[in-house]
Amino acid sequence: MPAVISPAAEAARYALLRRLAPSFRHHLVVNLQPIGMICEVMDRRLRAATPDLGHVQDSAGKINGFAKAALNSCVDVVGWLAPDDTATVAVHEAARECAALLATSLSFRGYALRNEVGELPGVVRRTGLRTLLSGLLLHCTDRLPGPAELVLTAAAEAQGAVLRVQPRPGEGDGNFAGEANYRKLEWQDLEALAAADGVQLAREGAGMALRLPWVAPQAG
């Protein structure tokens, strides 16, 4: 079970959410923006002397699809703000989720994110993994000037999963936009989050590692 949340962990979680806010914004609007454009196309088609109802129905179906995706995005963001401590996830799914959330904002700052996490047996607590992984990625970019590459790998151990972030300097002119929406994430922030979520955190040379215990399946 995770430890009692300390004031340091609460402060670190707030700082992490503030840093993730631009990515959340993009995550929320990416499925809403096409709806307005599709509605404009539908409006023009419906104003035609002889509307093409087949195209209109096709547009309506697209709107429905984007609306469902937008709803799922909203539910997902709420899960970051008020996490379910009982939720579990496969390691590769959580790695893919964090990579998709952060890849665009990191690329604007000069960082390439390469996800090499394959499927592992078992599941871990979703909150601990995505909180620490996203925090680790931001901490790496805070301490390593761009351009650079962040490589994600994972392996199964007897007691749990180990996920590693390995930063590598990249090629480029380094003339990238900074991120000034909130303060940097320090190592002490990650330690506080790791203690709160029952995750082992360690430095491994230039890289960093997370060790998360497997969650036993529920009986019955």
N, C-alpha and C. Protein backbone atom coordinates (compact mmCIF):
# COMPACT_ATOMS: atom_id res chain seq x y z
N MET A 1 0.84 -1.20 0.00
CA MET A 1 0.00 0.00 0.00
C MET A 1 0.88 1.25 0.00
N PRO A 2 0.42 2.33 -0.69
CA PRO A 2 1.20 3.55 -0.71
C PRO A 2 1.26 4.21 0.65
N ALA A 3 2.33 4.93 0.90
CA ALA A 3 2.50 5.62 2.18
C ALA A 3 1.56 6.81 2.28
N VAL A 4 1.40 7.33 3.51
CA VAL A 4 0.60 8.52 3.72
C VAL A 4 1.23 9.69 2.97
N ILE A 5 0.38 10.49 2.32
CA ILE A 5 0.88 11.60 1.53
C ILE A 5 1.46 12.68 2.44
N SER A 6 2.71 13.01 2.21
CA SER A 6 3.38 14.04 3.00
C SER A 6 3.20 15.41 2.35
N PRO A 7 3.41 16.50 3.10
CA PRO A 7 3.36 17.84 2.49
C PRO A 7 4.33 17.98 1.31
N ALA A 8 5.49 17.34 1.41
CA ALA A 8 6.46 17.41 0.30
C ALA A 8 5.91 16.73 -0.95
N ALA A 9 5.23 15.60 -0.76
CA ALA A 9 4.65 14.90 -1.90
C ALA A 9 3.50 15.70 -2.51
N GLU A 10 2.69 16.33 -1.65
CA GLU A 10 1.60 17.17 -2.16
C GLU A 10 2.15 18.33 -2.98
N ALA A 11 3.20 18.98 -2.48
CA ALA A 11 3.80 20.09 -3.21
C ALA A 11 4.40 19.61 -4.53
N ALA A 12 5.06 18.44 -4.51
CA ALA A 12 5.65 17.91 -5.73
C ALA A 12 4.58 17.55 -6.74
N ARG A 13 3.48 16.98 -6.28
CA ARG A 13 2.38 16.61 -7.19
C ARG A 13 1.77 17.85 -7.82
N TYR A 14 1.61 18.89 -7.05
CA TYR A 14 1.08 20.15 -7.60
C TYR A 14 2.03 20.70 -8.66
N ALA A 15 3.34 20.69 -8.37
CA ALA A 15 4.31 21.19 -9.33
C ALA A 15 4.28 20.36 -10.62
N LEU A 16 4.15 19.04 -10.47
CA LEU A 16 4.08 18.17 -11.65
C LEU A 16 2.85 18.48 -12.49
N LEU A 17 1.70 18.63 -11.84
CA LEU A 17 0.47 18.93 -12.59
C LEU A 17 0.56 20.28 -13.29
N ARG A 18 1.18 21.26 -12.65
CA ARG A 18 1.37 22.55 -13.29
C ARG A 18 2.25 22.41 -14.54
N ARG A 19 3.28 21.60 -14.44
CA ARG A 19 4.16 21.39 -15.58
C ARG A 19 3.46 20.62 -16.70
N LEU A 20 2.53 19.75 -16.32
CA LEU A 20 1.82 18.96 -17.32
C LEU A 20 0.63 19.70 -17.94
N ALA A 21 0.29 20.85 -17.38
CA ALA A 21 -0.90 21.58 -17.85
C ALA A 21 -0.90 21.84 -19.35
N PRO A 22 0.20 22.30 -19.98
CA PRO A 22 0.18 22.51 -21.44
C PRO A 22 -0.12 21.23 -22.21
N SER A 23 0.42 20.11 -21.74
CA SER A 23 0.14 18.83 -22.41
C SER A 23 -1.31 18.42 -22.22
N PHE A 24 -1.86 18.65 -21.03
CA PHE A 24 -3.28 18.37 -20.81
C PHE A 24 -4.15 19.20 -21.75
N ARG A 25 -3.79 20.47 -21.91
CA ARG A 25 -4.57 21.35 -22.78
C ARG A 25 -4.60 20.81 -24.21
N HIS A 26 -3.43 20.42 -24.70
CA HIS A 26 -3.37 19.85 -26.05
C HIS A 26 -4.16 18.55 -26.13
N HIS A 27 -4.04 17.72 -25.10
CA HIS A 27 -4.73 16.44 -25.04
C HIS A 27 -6.25 16.63 -25.10
N LEU A 28 -6.75 17.71 -24.49
CA LEU A 28 -8.19 17.95 -24.44
C LEU A 28 -8.74 18.53 -25.74
N VAL A 29 -7.99 19.43 -26.38
CA VAL A 29 -8.54 20.14 -27.54
C VAL A 29 -8.30 19.42 -28.86
N VAL A 30 -7.38 18.44 -28.88
CA VAL A 30 -7.02 17.84 -30.15
C VAL A 30 -8.22 17.15 -30.82
N ASN A 31 -9.15 16.64 -30.03
CA ASN A 31 -10.34 16.00 -30.61
C ASN A 31 -11.53 16.95 -30.72
N LEU A 32 -11.43 18.14 -30.14
CA LEU A 32 -12.53 19.11 -30.23
C LEU A 32 -12.39 20.02 -31.45
N GLN A 33 -11.16 20.36 -31.81
CA GLN A 33 -10.96 21.27 -32.94
C GLN A 33 -11.57 20.78 -34.25
N PRO A 34 -11.45 19.48 -34.60
CA PRO A 34 -12.03 19.04 -35.87
C PRO A 34 -13.55 19.13 -35.91
N ILE A 35 -14.21 19.10 -34.74
CA ILE A 35 -15.67 19.13 -34.73
C ILE A 35 -16.19 20.42 -35.34
N GLY A 36 -15.56 21.55 -34.99
CA GLY A 36 -15.99 22.84 -35.55
C GLY A 36 -15.82 22.88 -37.06
N MET A 37 -14.70 22.35 -37.55
CA MET A 37 -14.49 22.35 -39.00
C MET A 37 -15.49 21.46 -39.73
N ILE A 38 -15.78 20.30 -39.13
CA ILE A 38 -16.76 19.40 -39.75
C ILE A 38 -18.14 20.03 -39.76
N CYS A 39 -18.50 20.75 -38.68
CA CYS A 39 -19.81 21.42 -38.64
C CYS A 39 -19.93 22.48 -39.73
N GLU A 40 -18.86 23.22 -40.01
CA GLU A 40 -18.89 24.21 -41.08
C GLU A 40 -19.10 23.54 -42.43
N VAL A 41 -18.45 22.41 -42.65
CA VAL A 41 -18.64 21.69 -43.91
C VAL A 41 -20.07 21.18 -44.02
N MET A 42 -20.62 20.65 -42.93
CA MET A 42 -22.00 20.16 -42.93
C MET A 42 -22.97 21.29 -43.23
N ASP A 43 -22.72 22.45 -42.63
CA ASP A 43 -23.61 23.59 -42.85
C ASP A 43 -23.65 24.00 -44.33
N ARG A 44 -22.48 24.03 -44.98
CA ARG A 44 -22.44 24.37 -46.41
C ARG A 44 -23.17 23.34 -47.25
N ARG A 45 -22.99 22.06 -46.90
CA ARG A 45 -23.66 21.02 -47.67
C ARG A 45 -25.16 21.04 -47.49
N LEU A 46 -25.62 21.37 -46.28
CA LEU A 46 -27.06 21.41 -46.03
C LEU A 46 -27.71 22.61 -46.70
N ARG A 47 -26.93 23.66 -46.97
CA ARG A 47 -27.47 24.84 -47.64
C ARG A 47 -27.54 24.68 -49.16
N ALA A 48 -26.97 23.62 -49.67
CA ALA A 48 -27.01 23.38 -51.11
C ALA A 48 -28.44 23.14 -51.57
N ALA A 49 -28.69 23.42 -52.84
CA ALA A 49 -30.05 23.22 -53.39
C ALA A 49 -30.49 21.77 -53.25
N THR A 50 -29.56 20.86 -53.46
CA THR A 50 -29.85 19.43 -53.29
C THR A 50 -28.77 18.83 -52.38
N PRO A 51 -29.00 18.84 -51.07
CA PRO A 51 -27.98 18.35 -50.14
C PRO A 51 -27.62 16.89 -50.39
N ASP A 52 -26.35 16.60 -50.29
CA ASP A 52 -25.87 15.23 -50.39
C ASP A 52 -25.96 14.60 -49.01
N LEU A 53 -27.06 13.89 -48.74
CA LEU A 53 -27.30 13.36 -47.40
C LEU A 53 -26.28 12.29 -47.01
N GLY A 54 -25.72 11.61 -48.00
CA GLY A 54 -24.69 10.62 -47.68
C GLY A 54 -23.48 11.26 -47.06
N HIS A 55 -23.03 12.40 -47.64
CA HIS A 55 -21.89 13.11 -47.08
C HIS A 55 -22.23 13.70 -45.71
N VAL A 56 -23.48 14.18 -45.57
CA VAL A 56 -23.90 14.74 -44.27
C VAL A 56 -23.88 13.67 -43.19
N GLN A 57 -24.38 12.48 -43.52
CA GLN A 57 -24.36 11.39 -42.55
C GLN A 57 -22.93 10.98 -42.20
N ASP A 58 -22.07 10.99 -43.19
CA ASP A 58 -20.67 10.67 -42.94
C ASP A 58 -20.04 11.69 -41.99
N SER A 59 -20.34 12.97 -42.20
CA SER A 59 -19.82 14.02 -41.33
C SER A 59 -20.36 13.88 -39.91
N ALA A 60 -21.65 13.54 -39.80
CA ALA A 60 -22.24 13.35 -38.48
C ALA A 60 -21.57 12.21 -37.74
N GLY A 61 -21.23 11.15 -38.46
CA GLY A 61 -20.52 10.03 -37.83
C GLY A 61 -19.14 10.44 -37.33
N LYS A 62 -18.47 11.29 -38.12
CA LYS A 62 -17.14 11.76 -37.69
C LYS A 62 -17.25 12.62 -36.44
N ILE A 63 -18.29 13.47 -36.39
CA ILE A 63 -18.49 14.29 -35.20
C ILE A 63 -18.69 13.42 -33.97
N ASN A 64 -19.50 12.37 -34.13
CA ASN A 64 -19.75 11.47 -33.02
C ASN A 64 -18.47 10.80 -32.55
N GLY A 65 -17.63 10.40 -33.48
CA GLY A 65 -16.36 9.77 -33.13
C GLY A 65 -15.44 10.71 -32.38
N PHE A 66 -15.31 11.95 -32.88
CA PHE A 66 -14.46 12.93 -32.20
C PHE A 66 -15.02 13.30 -30.83
N ALA A 67 -16.35 13.37 -30.71
CA ALA A 67 -16.97 13.71 -29.43
C ALA A 67 -16.68 12.62 -28.39
N LYS A 68 -16.76 11.36 -28.78
CA LYS A 68 -16.46 10.27 -27.86
C LYS A 68 -15.00 10.31 -27.44
N ALA A 69 -14.11 10.58 -28.41
CA ALA A 69 -12.69 10.66 -28.09
C ALA A 69 -12.41 11.81 -27.13
N ALA A 70 -13.10 12.95 -27.35
CA ALA A 70 -12.92 14.10 -26.47
C ALA A 70 -13.42 13.79 -25.05
N LEU A 71 -14.53 13.06 -24.95
CA LEU A 71 -15.04 12.67 -23.64
C LEU A 71 -14.04 11.77 -22.92
N ASN A 72 -13.47 10.82 -23.64
CA ASN A 72 -12.47 9.94 -23.04
C ASN A 72 -11.25 10.74 -22.57
N SER A 73 -10.85 11.76 -23.33
CA SER A 73 -9.72 12.60 -22.94
C SER A 73 -10.03 13.35 -21.65
N CYS A 74 -11.26 13.85 -21.52
CA CYS A 74 -11.65 14.57 -20.31
C CYS A 74 -11.61 13.65 -19.10
N VAL A 75 -12.15 12.43 -19.25
CA VAL A 75 -12.13 11.47 -18.15
C VAL A 75 -10.70 11.13 -17.76
N ASP A 76 -9.82 11.00 -18.76
CA ASP A 76 -8.43 10.66 -18.49
C ASP A 76 -7.73 11.76 -17.71
N VAL A 77 -7.96 13.02 -18.10
CA VAL A 77 -7.33 14.14 -17.39
C VAL A 77 -7.84 14.22 -15.95
N VAL A 78 -9.13 13.98 -15.75
CA VAL A 78 -9.67 13.96 -14.39
C VAL A 78 -8.96 12.88 -13.56
N GLY A 79 -8.59 11.76 -14.21
CA GLY A 79 -7.87 10.71 -13.52
C GLY A 79 -6.50 11.15 -13.04
N TRP A 80 -5.88 12.10 -13.73
CA TRP A 80 -4.61 12.66 -13.26
C TRP A 80 -4.84 13.56 -12.04
N LEU A 81 -5.94 14.30 -12.04
CA LEU A 81 -6.22 15.24 -10.96
C LEU A 81 -6.75 14.54 -9.71
N ALA A 82 -7.55 13.51 -9.90
CA ALA A 82 -8.11 12.75 -8.77
C ALA A 82 -7.91 11.27 -9.07
N PRO A 83 -6.70 10.75 -8.90
CA PRO A 83 -6.39 9.38 -9.31
C PRO A 83 -7.08 8.32 -8.48
N ASP A 84 -7.35 7.21 -9.13
CA ASP A 84 -7.91 6.03 -8.47
C ASP A 84 -6.74 5.15 -8.05
N ASP A 85 -6.49 5.07 -6.76
CA ASP A 85 -5.35 4.33 -6.26
C ASP A 85 -5.47 2.83 -6.46
N THR A 86 -6.66 2.35 -6.82
CA THR A 86 -6.84 0.91 -7.03
C THR A 86 -6.65 0.51 -8.49
N ALA A 87 -6.55 1.48 -9.39
CA ALA A 87 -6.44 1.17 -10.82
C ALA A 87 -5.07 0.59 -11.13
N THR A 88 -5.05 -0.41 -12.00
CA THR A 88 -3.80 -1.03 -12.42
C THR A 88 -3.64 -0.88 -13.93
N VAL A 89 -2.41 -1.13 -14.40
CA VAL A 89 -2.13 -0.96 -15.81
C VAL A 89 -0.92 -1.80 -16.18
N ALA A 90 -0.88 -2.23 -17.43
CA ALA A 90 0.32 -2.89 -17.94
C ALA A 90 1.40 -1.82 -18.15
N VAL A 91 2.64 -2.19 -17.92
CA VAL A 91 3.72 -1.21 -17.99
C VAL A 91 3.82 -0.57 -19.37
N HIS A 92 3.70 -1.37 -20.43
CA HIS A 92 3.85 -0.81 -21.77
C HIS A 92 2.70 0.14 -22.11
N GLU A 93 1.51 -0.10 -21.54
CA GLU A 93 0.38 0.79 -21.80
C GLU A 93 0.60 2.14 -21.13
N ALA A 94 1.07 2.13 -19.90
CA ALA A 94 1.33 3.39 -19.20
C ALA A 94 2.47 4.16 -19.85
N ALA A 95 3.50 3.45 -20.31
CA ALA A 95 4.61 4.11 -20.99
C ALA A 95 4.12 4.76 -22.28
N ARG A 96 3.26 4.06 -23.01
CA ARG A 96 2.72 4.63 -24.25
C ARG A 96 1.85 5.85 -23.94
N GLU A 97 1.08 5.78 -22.87
CA GLU A 97 0.22 6.89 -22.47
C GLU A 97 1.04 8.13 -22.13
N CYS A 98 2.08 7.96 -21.32
CA CYS A 98 2.92 9.11 -20.94
C CYS A 98 3.67 9.66 -22.14
N ALA A 99 4.16 8.76 -23.01
CA ALA A 99 4.88 9.21 -24.20
C ALA A 99 3.96 10.02 -25.11
N ALA A 100 2.72 9.56 -25.28
CA ALA A 100 1.78 10.28 -26.14
C ALA A 100 1.42 11.64 -25.53
N LEU A 101 1.32 11.70 -24.21
CA LEU A 101 0.96 12.96 -23.55
C LEU A 101 2.07 13.99 -23.69
N LEU A 102 3.32 13.56 -23.56
CA LEU A 102 4.44 14.50 -23.45
C LEU A 102 5.24 14.70 -24.73
N ALA A 103 5.09 13.82 -25.70
CA ALA A 103 5.98 13.86 -26.88
C ALA A 103 5.95 15.20 -27.59
N THR A 104 4.77 15.77 -27.79
CA THR A 104 4.67 17.03 -28.54
C THR A 104 5.34 18.17 -27.80
N SER A 105 5.04 18.34 -26.51
CA SER A 105 5.64 19.44 -25.76
C SER A 105 7.14 19.27 -25.63
N LEU A 106 7.61 18.03 -25.49
CA LEU A 106 9.05 17.81 -25.40
C LEU A 106 9.74 18.12 -26.73
N SER A 107 9.09 17.77 -27.83
CA SER A 107 9.70 18.05 -29.14
C SER A 107 9.87 19.54 -29.37
N PHE A 108 8.92 20.35 -28.89
CA PHE A 108 9.02 21.80 -29.02
C PHE A 108 10.22 22.34 -28.26
N ARG A 109 10.64 21.61 -27.22
CA ARG A 109 11.77 22.04 -26.40
C ARG A 109 13.08 21.39 -26.84
N GLY A 110 13.03 20.57 -27.90
CA GLY A 110 14.24 19.99 -28.44
C GLY A 110 14.58 18.59 -27.96
N TYR A 111 13.56 17.86 -27.45
CA TYR A 111 13.81 16.52 -26.94
C TYR A 111 13.01 15.49 -27.73
N ALA A 112 13.70 14.46 -28.20
CA ALA A 112 13.05 13.35 -28.88
C ALA A 112 12.80 12.24 -27.86
N LEU A 113 11.60 11.72 -27.84
CA LEU A 113 11.23 10.67 -26.89
C LEU A 113 11.08 9.35 -27.64
N ARG A 114 11.92 8.36 -27.30
CA ARG A 114 11.87 7.07 -27.97
C ARG A 114 11.41 6.01 -26.98
N ASN A 115 10.25 5.46 -27.24
CA ASN A 115 9.65 4.48 -26.34
C ASN A 115 9.96 3.07 -26.84
N GLU A 116 10.82 2.35 -26.10
CA GLU A 116 11.19 0.99 -26.46
C GLU A 116 10.65 -0.02 -25.44
N VAL A 117 9.61 0.37 -24.72
CA VAL A 117 9.03 -0.50 -23.69
C VAL A 117 8.13 -1.54 -24.36
N GLY A 118 8.48 -2.81 -24.18
CA GLY A 118 7.66 -3.90 -24.70
C GLY A 118 6.73 -4.45 -23.65
N GLU A 119 5.91 -5.42 -24.05
CA GLU A 119 4.95 -6.01 -23.12
C GLU A 119 5.67 -6.82 -22.04
N LEU A 120 5.19 -6.66 -20.80
CA LEU A 120 5.71 -7.41 -19.67
C LEU A 120 4.57 -8.16 -19.00
N PRO A 121 4.85 -9.27 -18.37
CA PRO A 121 3.79 -9.97 -17.63
C PRO A 121 3.42 -9.20 -16.37
N GLY A 122 2.15 -9.21 -16.03
CA GLY A 122 1.73 -8.56 -14.79
C GLY A 122 1.35 -7.11 -14.98
N VAL A 123 0.79 -6.53 -13.91
CA VAL A 123 0.36 -5.14 -13.91
C VAL A 123 0.89 -4.44 -12.66
N VAL A 124 0.92 -3.11 -12.71
CA VAL A 124 1.36 -2.29 -11.58
C VAL A 124 0.31 -1.22 -11.33
N ARG A 125 0.49 -0.47 -10.23
CA ARG A 125 -0.45 0.61 -9.94
C ARG A 125 -0.29 1.72 -10.97
N ARG A 126 -1.39 2.11 -11.56
CA ARG A 126 -1.35 3.10 -12.64
C ARG A 126 -0.87 4.46 -12.14
N THR A 127 -1.37 4.89 -10.99
CA THR A 127 -1.02 6.21 -10.47
C THR A 127 0.48 6.35 -10.26
N GLY A 128 1.08 5.37 -9.59
CA GLY A 128 2.51 5.45 -9.31
C GLY A 128 3.35 5.49 -10.56
N LEU A 129 3.00 4.67 -11.55
CA LEU A 129 3.82 4.60 -12.75
C LEU A 129 3.74 5.87 -13.57
N ARG A 130 2.54 6.33 -13.86
CA ARG A 130 2.49 7.48 -14.75
C ARG A 130 2.89 8.78 -14.04
N THR A 131 2.67 8.86 -12.73
CA THR A 131 3.13 10.04 -12.00
C THR A 131 4.65 10.12 -12.00
N LEU A 132 5.31 9.02 -11.64
CA LEU A 132 6.77 9.03 -11.56
C LEU A 132 7.42 9.08 -12.93
N LEU A 133 6.84 8.40 -13.92
CA LEU A 133 7.45 8.42 -15.25
C LEU A 133 7.37 9.80 -15.87
N SER A 134 6.21 10.45 -15.80
CA SER A 134 6.11 11.79 -16.35
C SER A 134 7.01 12.76 -15.59
N GLY A 135 7.08 12.61 -14.26
CA GLY A 135 7.97 13.47 -13.48
C GLY A 135 9.42 13.24 -13.83
N LEU A 136 9.80 11.98 -14.06
CA LEU A 136 11.17 11.65 -14.43
C LEU A 136 11.55 12.27 -15.77
N LEU A 137 10.64 12.19 -16.72
CA LEU A 137 10.92 12.76 -18.05
C LEU A 137 11.11 14.27 -17.97
N LEU A 138 10.26 14.94 -17.20
CA LEU A 138 10.40 16.39 -17.07
C LEU A 138 11.67 16.74 -16.31
N HIS A 139 12.00 15.96 -15.28
CA HIS A 139 13.24 16.22 -14.53
C HIS A 139 14.46 16.07 -15.44
N CYS A 140 14.45 15.06 -16.30
CA CYS A 140 15.56 14.87 -17.24
C CYS A 140 15.73 16.07 -18.16
N THR A 141 14.63 16.58 -18.66
CA THR A 141 14.72 17.72 -19.58
C THR A 141 15.11 19.00 -18.85
N ASP A 142 14.81 19.06 -17.55
CA ASP A 142 15.20 20.24 -16.77
C ASP A 142 16.71 20.30 -16.56
N ARG A 143 17.34 19.13 -16.46
CA ARG A 143 18.76 19.10 -16.14
C ARG A 143 19.66 18.87 -17.36
N LEU A 144 19.08 18.43 -18.49
CA LEU A 144 19.86 18.16 -19.68
C LEU A 144 19.43 19.12 -20.80
N PRO A 145 20.29 20.05 -21.20
CA PRO A 145 19.90 20.99 -22.25
C PRO A 145 19.64 20.26 -23.57
N GLY A 146 18.65 20.75 -24.32
CA GLY A 146 18.37 20.19 -25.63
C GLY A 146 19.36 20.73 -26.65
N PRO A 147 19.49 20.05 -27.79
CA PRO A 147 18.73 18.87 -28.20
C PRO A 147 19.23 17.60 -27.52
N ALA A 148 18.31 16.69 -27.26
CA ALA A 148 18.66 15.44 -26.61
C ALA A 148 17.57 14.41 -26.91
N GLU A 149 17.90 13.16 -26.59
CA GLU A 149 16.96 12.06 -26.80
C GLU A 149 16.75 11.36 -25.47
N LEU A 150 15.51 11.00 -25.19
CA LEU A 150 15.16 10.25 -23.99
C LEU A 150 14.66 8.87 -24.42
N VAL A 151 15.34 7.83 -23.95
CA VAL A 151 15.00 6.47 -24.34
C VAL A 151 14.36 5.75 -23.17
N LEU A 152 13.17 5.18 -23.39
CA LEU A 152 12.45 4.43 -22.36
C LEU A 152 12.61 2.93 -22.62
N THR A 153 13.00 2.19 -21.59
CA THR A 153 13.07 0.73 -21.67
C THR A 153 12.49 0.16 -20.38
N ALA A 154 12.13 -1.12 -20.41
CA ALA A 154 11.56 -1.75 -19.22
C ALA A 154 11.93 -3.23 -19.21
N ALA A 155 11.93 -3.81 -18.03
CA ALA A 155 12.22 -5.23 -17.86
C ALA A 155 11.42 -5.75 -16.68
N ALA A 156 11.16 -7.05 -16.70
CA ALA A 156 10.44 -7.71 -15.61
C ALA A 156 11.43 -8.31 -14.63
N GLU A 157 11.17 -8.11 -13.34
CA GLU A 157 11.93 -8.74 -12.28
C GLU A 157 10.98 -9.58 -11.44
N ALA A 158 11.52 -10.34 -10.52
CA ALA A 158 10.68 -11.25 -9.73
C ALA A 158 9.61 -10.50 -8.94
N GLN A 159 9.98 -9.38 -8.34
CA GLN A 159 9.07 -8.66 -7.46
C GLN A 159 8.32 -7.53 -8.14
N GLY A 160 8.72 -7.20 -9.35
CA GLY A 160 8.05 -6.08 -10.01
C GLY A 160 8.69 -5.73 -11.34
N ALA A 161 8.35 -4.57 -11.84
CA ALA A 161 8.85 -4.09 -13.12
C ALA A 161 9.86 -2.97 -12.87
N VAL A 162 10.88 -2.91 -13.71
CA VAL A 162 11.83 -1.81 -13.66
C VAL A 162 11.76 -1.07 -14.99
N LEU A 163 11.57 0.22 -14.91
CA LEU A 163 11.48 1.06 -16.09
C LEU A 163 12.59 2.10 -16.04
N ARG A 164 13.33 2.22 -17.14
CA ARG A 164 14.50 3.10 -17.16
C ARG A 164 14.32 4.23 -18.17
N VAL A 165 14.84 5.39 -17.80
CA VAL A 165 14.91 6.55 -18.69
C VAL A 165 16.38 6.88 -18.89
N GLN A 166 16.83 6.79 -20.13
CA GLN A 166 18.23 7.05 -20.44
C GLN A 166 18.34 8.28 -21.35
N PRO A 167 18.85 9.40 -20.85
CA PRO A 167 19.03 10.59 -21.69
C PRO A 167 20.30 10.50 -22.51
N ARG A 168 20.22 10.95 -23.77
CA ARG A 168 21.38 10.95 -24.64
C ARG A 168 21.42 12.28 -25.39
N PRO A 169 22.55 12.98 -25.35
CA PRO A 169 22.66 14.23 -26.11
C PRO A 169 22.40 13.98 -27.59
N GLY A 170 21.65 14.89 -28.21
CA GLY A 170 21.34 14.76 -29.63
C GLY A 170 22.03 15.82 -30.46
N GLU A 171 21.76 15.78 -31.76
CA GLU A 171 22.35 16.74 -32.67
C GLU A 171 21.34 17.83 -33.01
N GLY A 172 21.84 19.04 -33.21
CA GLY A 172 20.98 20.16 -33.55
C GLY A 172 21.60 21.46 -33.08
N ASP A 173 20.92 22.56 -33.39
CA ASP A 173 21.48 23.87 -33.03
C ASP A 173 21.13 24.28 -31.61
N GLY A 174 20.21 23.57 -30.97
CA GLY A 174 19.85 23.89 -29.59
C GLY A 174 19.00 25.13 -29.44
N ASN A 175 18.51 25.68 -30.54
CA ASN A 175 17.70 26.91 -30.48
C ASN A 175 16.23 26.54 -30.37
N PHE A 176 15.82 26.10 -29.18
CA PHE A 176 14.46 25.64 -28.98
C PHE A 176 13.76 26.51 -27.93
N ALA A 177 12.44 26.51 -28.01
CA ALA A 177 11.65 27.28 -27.05
C ALA A 177 11.73 26.65 -25.67
N GLY A 178 11.80 27.48 -24.64
CA GLY A 178 11.82 26.97 -23.28
C GLY A 178 10.42 26.76 -22.74
N GLU A 179 10.35 26.25 -21.54
CA GLU A 179 9.07 26.03 -20.88
C GLU A 179 9.08 26.78 -19.56
N ALA A 180 8.35 27.87 -19.50
CA ALA A 180 8.40 28.74 -18.32
C ALA A 180 7.09 28.76 -17.55
N ASN A 181 6.25 27.72 -17.73
CA ASN A 181 4.94 27.78 -17.08
C ASN A 181 5.00 27.53 -15.57
N TYR A 182 6.08 26.90 -15.09
CA TYR A 182 6.22 26.68 -13.65
C TYR A 182 7.65 26.27 -13.36
N ARG A 183 7.94 26.01 -12.09
CA ARG A 183 9.32 25.74 -11.66
C ARG A 183 9.79 24.37 -12.15
N LYS A 184 11.10 24.18 -12.07
CA LYS A 184 11.69 22.89 -12.43
C LYS A 184 11.35 21.84 -11.38
N LEU A 185 11.37 20.59 -11.82
CA LEU A 185 11.18 19.47 -10.89
C LEU A 185 12.55 19.01 -10.40
N GLU A 186 12.72 19.02 -9.09
CA GLU A 186 13.99 18.62 -8.50
C GLU A 186 13.96 17.14 -8.11
N TRP A 187 15.14 16.60 -7.86
CA TRP A 187 15.23 15.20 -7.45
C TRP A 187 14.46 14.96 -6.16
N GLN A 188 14.46 15.94 -5.27
CA GLN A 188 13.72 15.80 -4.01
C GLN A 188 12.22 15.66 -4.27
N ASP A 189 11.71 16.32 -5.30
CA ASP A 189 10.30 16.17 -5.67
C ASP A 189 10.00 14.73 -6.06
N LEU A 190 10.87 14.16 -6.88
CA LEU A 190 10.67 12.78 -7.32
C LEU A 190 10.76 11.81 -6.15
N GLU A 191 11.67 12.06 -5.23
CA GLU A 191 11.79 11.20 -4.05
C GLU A 191 10.52 11.24 -3.21
N ALA A 192 9.94 12.42 -3.06
CA ALA A 192 8.71 12.55 -2.28
C ALA A 192 7.55 11.82 -2.96
N LEU A 193 7.45 11.94 -4.29
CA LEU A 193 6.40 11.25 -5.02
C LEU A 193 6.60 9.74 -4.97
N ALA A 194 7.85 9.30 -5.08
CA ALA A 194 8.13 7.87 -5.04
C ALA A 194 7.76 7.28 -3.68
N ALA A 195 8.08 7.98 -2.61
CA ALA A 195 7.74 7.51 -1.27
C ALA A 195 6.24 7.42 -1.08
N ALA A 196 5.51 8.39 -1.63
CA ALA A 196 4.06 8.42 -1.48
C ALA A 196 3.39 7.31 -2.28
N ASP A 197 3.98 6.94 -3.41
CA ASP A 197 3.35 5.97 -4.31
C ASP A 197 3.96 4.57 -4.20
N GLY A 198 4.87 4.36 -3.25
CA GLY A 198 5.43 3.03 -3.08
C GLY A 198 6.31 2.59 -4.23
N VAL A 199 7.05 3.52 -4.83
CA VAL A 199 7.92 3.23 -5.97
C VAL A 199 9.36 3.44 -5.56
N GLN A 200 10.25 2.57 -6.02
CA GLN A 200 11.68 2.74 -5.77
C GLN A 200 12.29 3.57 -6.89
N LEU A 201 13.04 4.57 -6.51
CA LEU A 201 13.64 5.51 -7.46
C LEU A 201 15.15 5.48 -7.30
N ALA A 202 15.88 5.42 -8.40
CA ALA A 202 17.33 5.35 -8.30
C ALA A 202 17.97 6.01 -9.52
N ARG A 203 19.15 6.60 -9.29
CA ARG A 203 19.98 7.08 -10.39
C ARG A 203 20.85 5.93 -10.87
N GLU A 204 21.04 5.85 -12.18
CA GLU A 204 21.92 4.85 -12.78
C GLU A 204 22.83 5.55 -13.79
N GLY A 205 23.92 6.12 -13.30
CA GLY A 205 24.77 6.92 -14.16
C GLY A 205 24.03 8.16 -14.61
N ALA A 206 23.99 8.38 -15.92
CA ALA A 206 23.23 9.51 -16.46
C ALA A 206 21.74 9.24 -16.50
N GLY A 207 21.36 7.96 -16.38
CA GLY A 207 19.95 7.59 -16.45
C GLY A 207 19.31 7.44 -15.08
N MET A 208 18.04 7.07 -15.10
CA MET A 208 17.27 6.89 -13.87
C MET A 208 16.36 5.69 -14.03
N ALA A 209 16.00 5.08 -12.91
CA ALA A 209 15.19 3.87 -12.95
C ALA A 209 14.07 3.93 -11.92
N LEU A 210 12.94 3.33 -12.29
CA LEU A 210 11.80 3.16 -11.40
C LEU A 210 11.55 1.68 -11.21
N ARG A 211 11.34 1.26 -9.98
CA ARG A 211 10.97 -0.12 -9.70
C ARG A 211 9.60 -0.11 -9.03
N LEU A 212 8.66 -0.80 -9.66
CA LEU A 212 7.29 -0.82 -9.19
C LEU A 212 6.86 -2.26 -8.89
N PRO A 213 6.30 -2.51 -7.72
CA PRO A 213 5.89 -3.89 -7.38
C PRO A 213 4.71 -4.33 -8.22
N TRP A 214 4.68 -5.63 -8.54
CA TRP A 214 3.51 -6.19 -9.23
C TRP A 214 2.31 -6.10 -8.31
N VAL A 215 1.15 -5.92 -8.90
CA VAL A 215 -0.10 -5.95 -8.16
C VAL A 215 -0.70 -7.33 -8.32
N ALA A 216 -0.94 -8.02 -7.21
CA ALA A 216 -1.49 -9.37 -7.25
C ALA A 216 -2.94 -9.31 -7.74
N PRO A 217 -3.37 -10.27 -8.57
CA PRO A 217 -4.77 -10.29 -9.02
C PRO A 217 -5.72 -10.50 -7.86
N GLN A 218 -6.90 -9.89 -7.96
CA GLN A 218 -7.89 -10.03 -6.91
C GLN A 218 -8.51 -11.43 -6.94
N ALA A 219 -8.69 -12.02 -5.75
CA ALA A 219 -9.29 -13.35 -5.67
C ALA A 219 -10.76 -13.30 -6.05
N GLY A 220 -11.26 -14.34 -6.71
CA GLY A 220 -12.66 -14.41 -7.08
C GLY A 220 -12.96 -13.69 -8.33
